[in-house]
Amino acid sequence: MRHYGITRIMVDGGREVCVRLFGDVDGDARDELRRELHDAVVDNTAPLFVVDLDETRFLDSEAVGALLEGCLHAREAGKQAEIINARGVVRAVLTVTGVLDLFGATPSGPNVVPLPAERGRPDWPHRRAT
């Protein structure tokens, strides 16, 4: 049984690409996470690249490395990269590794606002950066 999930959607009229991580994101997710983050950077012209960790319970060092690589790639591509909704042990891991310092996340994310739920879209983000 898979213990993690990764989804990607465009929001705000295509001005933001949001990658959401779910569950326990560890070495099993590394390759898929790298690929998804890379594709989220190159497959669109959105100026804002957001990783939403609202439903992420755990990140290991391999997942943190993939996350850092993806966010740095986004910046190199001229996008603003942000990590939002890091809480608990996930926030602690990202703080210790210095990733939060690089991407300016706060407990609720930078300028996080609720988004309305959309029926039939389980991957629709609950929050987004403005």
N, C-alpha and C. Protein backbone atom coordinates (compact mmCIF):
# COMPACT_ATOMS: atom_id res chain seq x y z
N MET A 1 0.84 -1.18 0.00
CA MET A 1 0.00 0.00 0.00
C MET A 1 0.89 1.25 0.00
N ARG A 2 0.57 2.18 -0.87
CA ARG A 2 1.34 3.41 -0.98
C ARG A 2 1.04 4.33 0.20
N HIS A 3 2.06 4.92 0.79
CA HIS A 3 1.91 5.73 1.99
C HIS A 3 2.11 7.23 1.74
N TYR A 4 2.09 7.61 0.47
CA TYR A 4 2.26 9.02 0.13
C TYR A 4 1.45 9.33 -1.13
N GLY A 5 1.26 10.61 -1.37
CA GLY A 5 0.59 11.04 -2.59
C GLY A 5 1.17 12.36 -3.05
N ILE A 6 1.15 12.57 -4.36
CA ILE A 6 1.64 13.82 -4.95
C ILE A 6 0.65 14.24 -6.02
N THR A 7 0.14 15.45 -5.94
CA THR A 7 -0.74 15.98 -6.98
C THR A 7 -0.23 17.34 -7.41
N ARG A 8 -0.60 17.72 -8.62
CA ARG A 8 -0.21 19.04 -9.14
C ARG A 8 -1.40 19.65 -9.84
N ILE A 9 -1.65 20.92 -9.55
CA ILE A 9 -2.73 21.64 -10.22
C ILE A 9 -2.29 23.07 -10.50
N MET A 10 -2.97 23.68 -11.44
CA MET A 10 -2.79 25.10 -11.72
C MET A 10 -3.91 25.85 -11.01
N VAL A 11 -3.58 26.96 -10.40
CA VAL A 11 -4.57 27.79 -9.71
C VAL A 11 -4.38 29.25 -10.10
N ASP A 12 -5.34 30.04 -9.70
CA ASP A 12 -5.29 31.48 -9.90
C ASP A 12 -5.12 31.83 -11.38
N GLY A 13 -5.92 31.20 -12.21
CA GLY A 13 -5.90 31.50 -13.64
C GLY A 13 -4.58 31.17 -14.32
N GLY A 14 -3.87 30.17 -13.79
CA GLY A 14 -2.60 29.78 -14.39
C GLY A 14 -1.41 30.56 -13.88
N ARG A 15 -1.61 31.41 -12.89
CA ARG A 15 -0.49 32.19 -12.34
C ARG A 15 0.25 31.45 -11.24
N GLU A 16 -0.27 30.29 -10.85
CA GLU A 16 0.37 29.52 -9.78
C GLU A 16 0.27 28.04 -10.11
N VAL A 17 1.38 27.34 -9.94
CA VAL A 17 1.37 25.89 -10.01
C VAL A 17 1.57 25.40 -8.57
N CYS A 18 0.70 24.52 -8.13
CA CYS A 18 0.73 24.03 -6.75
C CYS A 18 0.94 22.52 -6.75
N VAL A 19 1.99 22.08 -6.07
CA VAL A 19 2.25 20.66 -5.88
C VAL A 19 1.92 20.35 -4.43
N ARG A 20 1.01 19.39 -4.23
CA ARG A 20 0.60 19.00 -2.87
C ARG A 20 1.17 17.64 -2.54
N LEU A 21 1.72 17.51 -1.35
CA LEU A 21 2.25 16.24 -0.87
C LEU A 21 1.36 15.74 0.26
N PHE A 22 1.11 14.44 0.26
CA PHE A 22 0.24 13.81 1.25
C PHE A 22 0.97 12.67 1.95
N GLY A 23 0.67 12.47 3.23
CA GLY A 23 1.14 11.29 3.94
C GLY A 23 2.61 11.34 4.31
N ASP A 24 3.24 10.16 4.29
CA ASP A 24 4.64 9.99 4.66
C ASP A 24 5.50 9.98 3.40
N VAL A 25 6.18 11.08 3.15
CA VAL A 25 6.96 11.24 1.92
C VAL A 25 8.42 10.90 2.26
N ASP A 26 8.85 9.75 1.75
CA ASP A 26 10.18 9.25 2.09
C ASP A 26 10.92 8.81 0.83
N GLY A 27 11.94 7.98 1.02
CA GLY A 27 12.75 7.51 -0.10
C GLY A 27 11.94 6.82 -1.18
N ASP A 28 10.85 6.17 -0.81
CA ASP A 28 9.99 5.52 -1.80
C ASP A 28 9.39 6.54 -2.78
N ALA A 29 9.24 7.76 -2.33
CA ALA A 29 8.62 8.81 -3.15
C ALA A 29 9.65 9.66 -3.90
N ARG A 30 10.92 9.49 -3.59
CA ARG A 30 11.96 10.39 -4.09
C ARG A 30 11.92 10.61 -5.61
N ASP A 31 11.96 9.54 -6.38
CA ASP A 31 12.03 9.68 -7.84
C ASP A 31 10.77 10.33 -8.41
N GLU A 32 9.61 9.89 -7.93
CA GLU A 32 8.36 10.49 -8.40
C GLU A 32 8.28 11.96 -8.00
N LEU A 33 8.72 12.27 -6.78
CA LEU A 33 8.69 13.65 -6.30
C LEU A 33 9.61 14.53 -7.14
N ARG A 34 10.81 14.07 -7.41
CA ARG A 34 11.74 14.84 -8.26
C ARG A 34 11.14 15.09 -9.63
N ARG A 35 10.58 14.05 -10.21
CA ARG A 35 9.99 14.17 -11.55
C ARG A 35 8.81 15.15 -11.54
N GLU A 36 7.94 15.02 -10.54
CA GLU A 36 6.76 15.88 -10.47
C GLU A 36 7.15 17.34 -10.24
N LEU A 37 8.11 17.59 -9.37
CA LEU A 37 8.55 18.96 -9.13
C LEU A 37 9.21 19.55 -10.37
N HIS A 38 10.04 18.75 -11.04
CA HIS A 38 10.67 19.21 -12.28
C HIS A 38 9.62 19.57 -13.32
N ASP A 39 8.65 18.67 -13.52
CA ASP A 39 7.60 18.91 -14.51
C ASP A 39 6.76 20.13 -14.15
N ALA A 40 6.53 20.34 -12.85
CA ALA A 40 5.75 21.49 -12.41
C ALA A 40 6.47 22.80 -12.75
N VAL A 41 7.78 22.76 -12.81
CA VAL A 41 8.54 23.95 -13.18
C VAL A 41 8.52 24.18 -14.68
N VAL A 42 8.73 23.13 -15.47
CA VAL A 42 8.94 23.31 -16.92
C VAL A 42 7.68 23.23 -17.76
N ASP A 43 6.60 22.67 -17.25
CA ASP A 43 5.39 22.45 -18.06
C ASP A 43 4.46 23.65 -18.18
N ASN A 44 4.83 24.79 -17.61
CA ASN A 44 3.92 25.94 -17.62
C ASN A 44 4.71 27.23 -17.48
N THR A 45 4.01 28.34 -17.60
CA THR A 45 4.65 29.65 -17.47
C THR A 45 4.24 30.37 -16.19
N ALA A 46 3.65 29.65 -15.25
CA ALA A 46 3.22 30.26 -13.99
C ALA A 46 4.42 30.88 -13.28
N PRO A 47 4.30 32.11 -12.81
CA PRO A 47 5.42 32.74 -12.12
C PRO A 47 5.57 32.29 -10.66
N LEU A 48 4.55 31.62 -10.11
CA LEU A 48 4.60 31.19 -8.71
C LEU A 48 4.55 29.67 -8.63
N PHE A 49 5.53 29.10 -7.94
CA PHE A 49 5.67 27.65 -7.73
C PHE A 49 5.48 27.41 -6.24
N VAL A 50 4.44 26.66 -5.88
CA VAL A 50 4.11 26.44 -4.47
C VAL A 50 4.09 24.95 -4.17
N VAL A 51 4.70 24.58 -3.04
CA VAL A 51 4.59 23.22 -2.53
C VAL A 51 3.78 23.30 -1.24
N ASP A 52 2.63 22.63 -1.23
CA ASP A 52 1.70 22.65 -0.10
C ASP A 52 1.89 21.37 0.71
N LEU A 53 2.28 21.53 1.97
CA LEU A 53 2.55 20.39 2.85
C LEU A 53 1.45 20.21 3.90
N ASP A 54 0.28 20.75 3.65
CA ASP A 54 -0.81 20.72 4.63
C ASP A 54 -1.14 19.31 5.11
N GLU A 55 -1.08 18.34 4.23
CA GLU A 55 -1.45 16.97 4.60
C GLU A 55 -0.24 16.03 4.62
N THR A 56 0.95 16.60 4.78
CA THR A 56 2.17 15.81 4.85
C THR A 56 2.49 15.53 6.32
N ARG A 57 2.62 14.26 6.66
CA ARG A 57 2.90 13.87 8.05
C ARG A 57 4.38 13.70 8.33
N PHE A 58 5.17 13.37 7.28
CA PHE A 58 6.58 13.04 7.48
C PHE A 58 7.35 13.29 6.20
N LEU A 59 8.57 13.80 6.34
CA LEU A 59 9.52 13.93 5.23
C LEU A 59 10.85 13.36 5.70
N ASP A 60 11.45 12.45 4.94
CA ASP A 60 12.79 12.00 5.30
C ASP A 60 13.82 12.80 4.52
N SER A 61 15.11 12.50 4.73
CA SER A 61 16.17 13.29 4.11
C SER A 61 16.13 13.23 2.59
N GLU A 62 15.74 12.10 2.02
CA GLU A 62 15.67 12.00 0.56
C GLU A 62 14.55 12.88 0.01
N ALA A 63 13.43 12.93 0.69
CA ALA A 63 12.32 13.78 0.26
C ALA A 63 12.69 15.26 0.43
N VAL A 64 13.38 15.59 1.51
CA VAL A 64 13.81 16.97 1.72
C VAL A 64 14.77 17.38 0.60
N GLY A 65 15.69 16.49 0.24
CA GLY A 65 16.62 16.77 -0.85
C GLY A 65 15.89 17.01 -2.17
N ALA A 66 14.90 16.19 -2.46
CA ALA A 66 14.12 16.35 -3.69
C ALA A 66 13.33 17.66 -3.66
N LEU A 67 12.77 17.98 -2.50
CA LEU A 67 12.02 19.22 -2.34
C LEU A 67 12.93 20.44 -2.54
N LEU A 68 14.09 20.42 -1.93
CA LEU A 68 15.05 21.51 -2.08
C LEU A 68 15.48 21.65 -3.54
N GLU A 69 15.79 20.54 -4.17
CA GLU A 69 16.19 20.54 -5.58
C GLU A 69 15.09 21.16 -6.46
N GLY A 70 13.84 20.77 -6.22
CA GLY A 70 12.73 21.30 -7.01
C GLY A 70 12.52 22.79 -6.81
N CYS A 71 12.61 23.24 -5.58
CA CYS A 71 12.42 24.67 -5.31
C CYS A 71 13.57 25.50 -5.88
N LEU A 72 14.78 24.99 -5.79
CA LEU A 72 15.92 25.70 -6.39
C LEU A 72 15.79 25.75 -7.91
N HIS A 73 15.34 24.66 -8.51
CA HIS A 73 15.11 24.63 -9.95
C HIS A 73 14.07 25.68 -10.35
N ALA A 74 13.02 25.80 -9.55
CA ALA A 74 11.99 26.81 -9.83
C ALA A 74 12.58 28.22 -9.80
N ARG A 75 13.39 28.49 -8.79
CA ARG A 75 14.03 29.81 -8.71
C ARG A 75 14.95 30.06 -9.89
N GLU A 76 15.72 29.04 -10.26
CA GLU A 76 16.62 29.18 -11.41
C GLU A 76 15.84 29.45 -12.70
N ALA A 77 14.61 28.96 -12.76
CA ALA A 77 13.75 29.17 -13.93
C ALA A 77 13.02 30.52 -13.86
N GLY A 78 13.30 31.31 -12.83
CA GLY A 78 12.70 32.63 -12.71
C GLY A 78 11.37 32.66 -12.00
N LYS A 79 11.00 31.56 -11.35
CA LYS A 79 9.74 31.51 -10.61
C LYS A 79 9.97 31.85 -9.14
N GLN A 80 8.94 32.36 -8.51
CA GLN A 80 8.97 32.52 -7.06
C GLN A 80 8.60 31.17 -6.47
N ALA A 81 9.43 30.64 -5.59
CA ALA A 81 9.18 29.32 -4.99
C ALA A 81 8.83 29.49 -3.52
N GLU A 82 7.74 28.84 -3.10
CA GLU A 82 7.29 28.92 -1.71
C GLU A 82 6.84 27.56 -1.22
N ILE A 83 7.13 27.31 0.04
CA ILE A 83 6.61 26.13 0.72
C ILE A 83 5.59 26.63 1.73
N ILE A 84 4.39 26.04 1.70
CA ILE A 84 3.35 26.50 2.62
C ILE A 84 2.83 25.34 3.47
N ASN A 85 2.27 25.70 4.60
CA ASN A 85 1.55 24.78 5.49
C ASN A 85 2.41 23.67 6.08
N ALA A 86 3.68 23.95 6.34
CA ALA A 86 4.54 22.97 7.02
C ALA A 86 4.25 23.05 8.52
N ARG A 87 3.91 21.91 9.10
CA ARG A 87 3.55 21.86 10.52
C ARG A 87 4.19 20.66 11.20
N GLY A 88 4.25 20.73 12.52
CA GLY A 88 4.70 19.60 13.31
C GLY A 88 6.09 19.11 12.95
N VAL A 89 6.22 17.78 12.83
CA VAL A 89 7.53 17.18 12.55
C VAL A 89 8.05 17.61 11.18
N VAL A 90 7.16 17.84 10.23
CA VAL A 90 7.57 18.29 8.89
C VAL A 90 8.23 19.67 9.00
N ARG A 91 7.62 20.55 9.75
CA ARG A 91 8.19 21.88 9.96
C ARG A 91 9.54 21.78 10.68
N ALA A 92 9.62 20.91 11.67
CA ALA A 92 10.88 20.74 12.41
C ALA A 92 12.00 20.28 11.48
N VAL A 93 11.71 19.30 10.63
CA VAL A 93 12.71 18.79 9.69
C VAL A 93 13.16 19.90 8.73
N LEU A 94 12.22 20.66 8.21
CA LEU A 94 12.56 21.73 7.26
C LEU A 94 13.29 22.89 7.94
N THR A 95 13.03 23.09 9.22
CA THR A 95 13.75 24.12 9.97
C THR A 95 15.19 23.70 10.22
N VAL A 96 15.38 22.48 10.70
CA VAL A 96 16.72 21.96 10.99
C VAL A 96 17.59 21.95 9.74
N THR A 97 17.01 21.61 8.61
CA THR A 97 17.78 21.53 7.36
C THR A 97 17.99 22.89 6.71
N GLY A 98 17.32 23.94 7.20
CA GLY A 98 17.47 25.27 6.64
C GLY A 98 16.57 25.56 5.44
N VAL A 99 15.75 24.61 5.06
CA VAL A 99 14.88 24.79 3.89
C VAL A 99 13.86 25.90 4.13
N LEU A 100 13.33 26.00 5.34
CA LEU A 100 12.34 27.05 5.61
C LEU A 100 12.97 28.44 5.50
N ASP A 101 14.22 28.56 5.91
CA ASP A 101 14.90 29.85 5.77
C ASP A 101 15.01 30.26 4.31
N LEU A 102 15.25 29.31 3.44
CA LEU A 102 15.40 29.60 2.01
C LEU A 102 14.10 30.00 1.33
N PHE A 103 13.00 29.39 1.77
CA PHE A 103 11.74 29.58 1.05
C PHE A 103 10.67 30.30 1.84
N GLY A 104 11.04 30.88 2.99
CA GLY A 104 10.18 31.80 3.71
C GLY A 104 8.85 31.27 4.18
N ALA A 105 8.73 29.99 4.45
CA ALA A 105 7.45 29.46 4.92
C ALA A 105 7.24 29.85 6.38
N THR A 106 5.98 30.06 6.73
CA THR A 106 5.58 30.31 8.11
C THR A 106 4.71 29.13 8.53
N PRO A 107 4.29 29.03 9.80
CA PRO A 107 3.48 27.89 10.19
C PRO A 107 2.26 27.66 9.29
N SER A 108 1.65 28.73 8.84
CA SER A 108 0.49 28.60 7.96
C SER A 108 0.84 28.88 6.51
N GLY A 109 2.09 29.17 6.25
CA GLY A 109 2.51 29.50 4.89
C GLY A 109 2.49 31.01 4.69
N PRO A 110 3.22 31.49 3.70
CA PRO A 110 3.26 32.92 3.45
C PRO A 110 1.93 33.42 2.89
N ASN A 111 1.29 34.32 3.61
CA ASN A 111 0.03 34.92 3.14
C ASN A 111 -0.99 33.87 2.69
N VAL A 112 -1.16 32.85 3.48
CA VAL A 112 -2.07 31.77 3.09
C VAL A 112 -3.51 32.20 3.27
N VAL A 113 -4.31 31.95 2.25
CA VAL A 113 -5.74 32.24 2.31
C VAL A 113 -6.51 30.99 1.94
N PRO A 114 -7.71 30.78 2.52
CA PRO A 114 -8.48 29.60 2.16
C PRO A 114 -8.99 29.68 0.73
N LEU A 115 -9.05 28.55 0.09
CA LEU A 115 -9.68 28.44 -1.23
C LEU A 115 -10.98 27.69 -1.07
N PRO A 116 -11.99 28.03 -1.84
CA PRO A 116 -13.24 27.28 -1.76
C PRO A 116 -13.05 25.86 -2.26
N ALA A 117 -13.73 24.94 -1.62
CA ALA A 117 -13.68 23.54 -2.07
C ALA A 117 -14.45 23.42 -3.38
N GLU A 118 -13.99 22.56 -4.23
CA GLU A 118 -14.67 22.34 -5.50
C GLU A 118 -15.08 20.88 -5.56
N ARG A 119 -16.35 20.63 -5.71
CA ARG A 119 -16.86 19.26 -5.72
C ARG A 119 -16.21 18.44 -6.82
N GLY A 120 -15.89 17.21 -6.47
CA GLY A 120 -15.33 16.29 -7.44
C GLY A 120 -13.86 16.53 -7.74
N ARG A 121 -13.20 17.40 -6.98
CA ARG A 121 -11.79 17.69 -7.20
C ARG A 121 -11.03 17.45 -5.91
N PRO A 122 -10.71 16.19 -5.57
CA PRO A 122 -10.03 15.92 -4.30
C PRO A 122 -8.64 16.53 -4.23
N ASP A 123 -8.05 16.87 -5.38
CA ASP A 123 -6.72 17.44 -5.36
C ASP A 123 -6.73 18.97 -5.30
N TRP A 124 -7.92 19.57 -5.20
CA TRP A 124 -8.01 21.02 -5.13
C TRP A 124 -7.39 21.49 -3.82
N PRO A 125 -6.50 22.47 -3.84
CA PRO A 125 -5.83 22.87 -2.59
C PRO A 125 -6.78 23.57 -1.63
N HIS A 126 -6.56 23.32 -0.37
CA HIS A 126 -7.34 23.99 0.67
C HIS A 126 -6.84 25.40 0.90
N ARG A 127 -5.59 25.63 0.55
CA ARG A 127 -4.97 26.93 0.78
C ARG A 127 -4.03 27.22 -0.38
N ARG A 128 -3.69 28.48 -0.51
CA ARG A 128 -2.69 28.85 -1.51
C ARG A 128 -2.01 30.13 -1.06
N ALA A 129 -0.83 30.38 -1.57
CA ALA A 129 -0.12 31.62 -1.27
C ALA A 129 -0.63 32.70 -2.21
N THR A 130 -0.71 33.92 -1.71
CA THR A 130 -1.15 35.04 -2.55
C THR A 130 0.03 35.87 -2.95
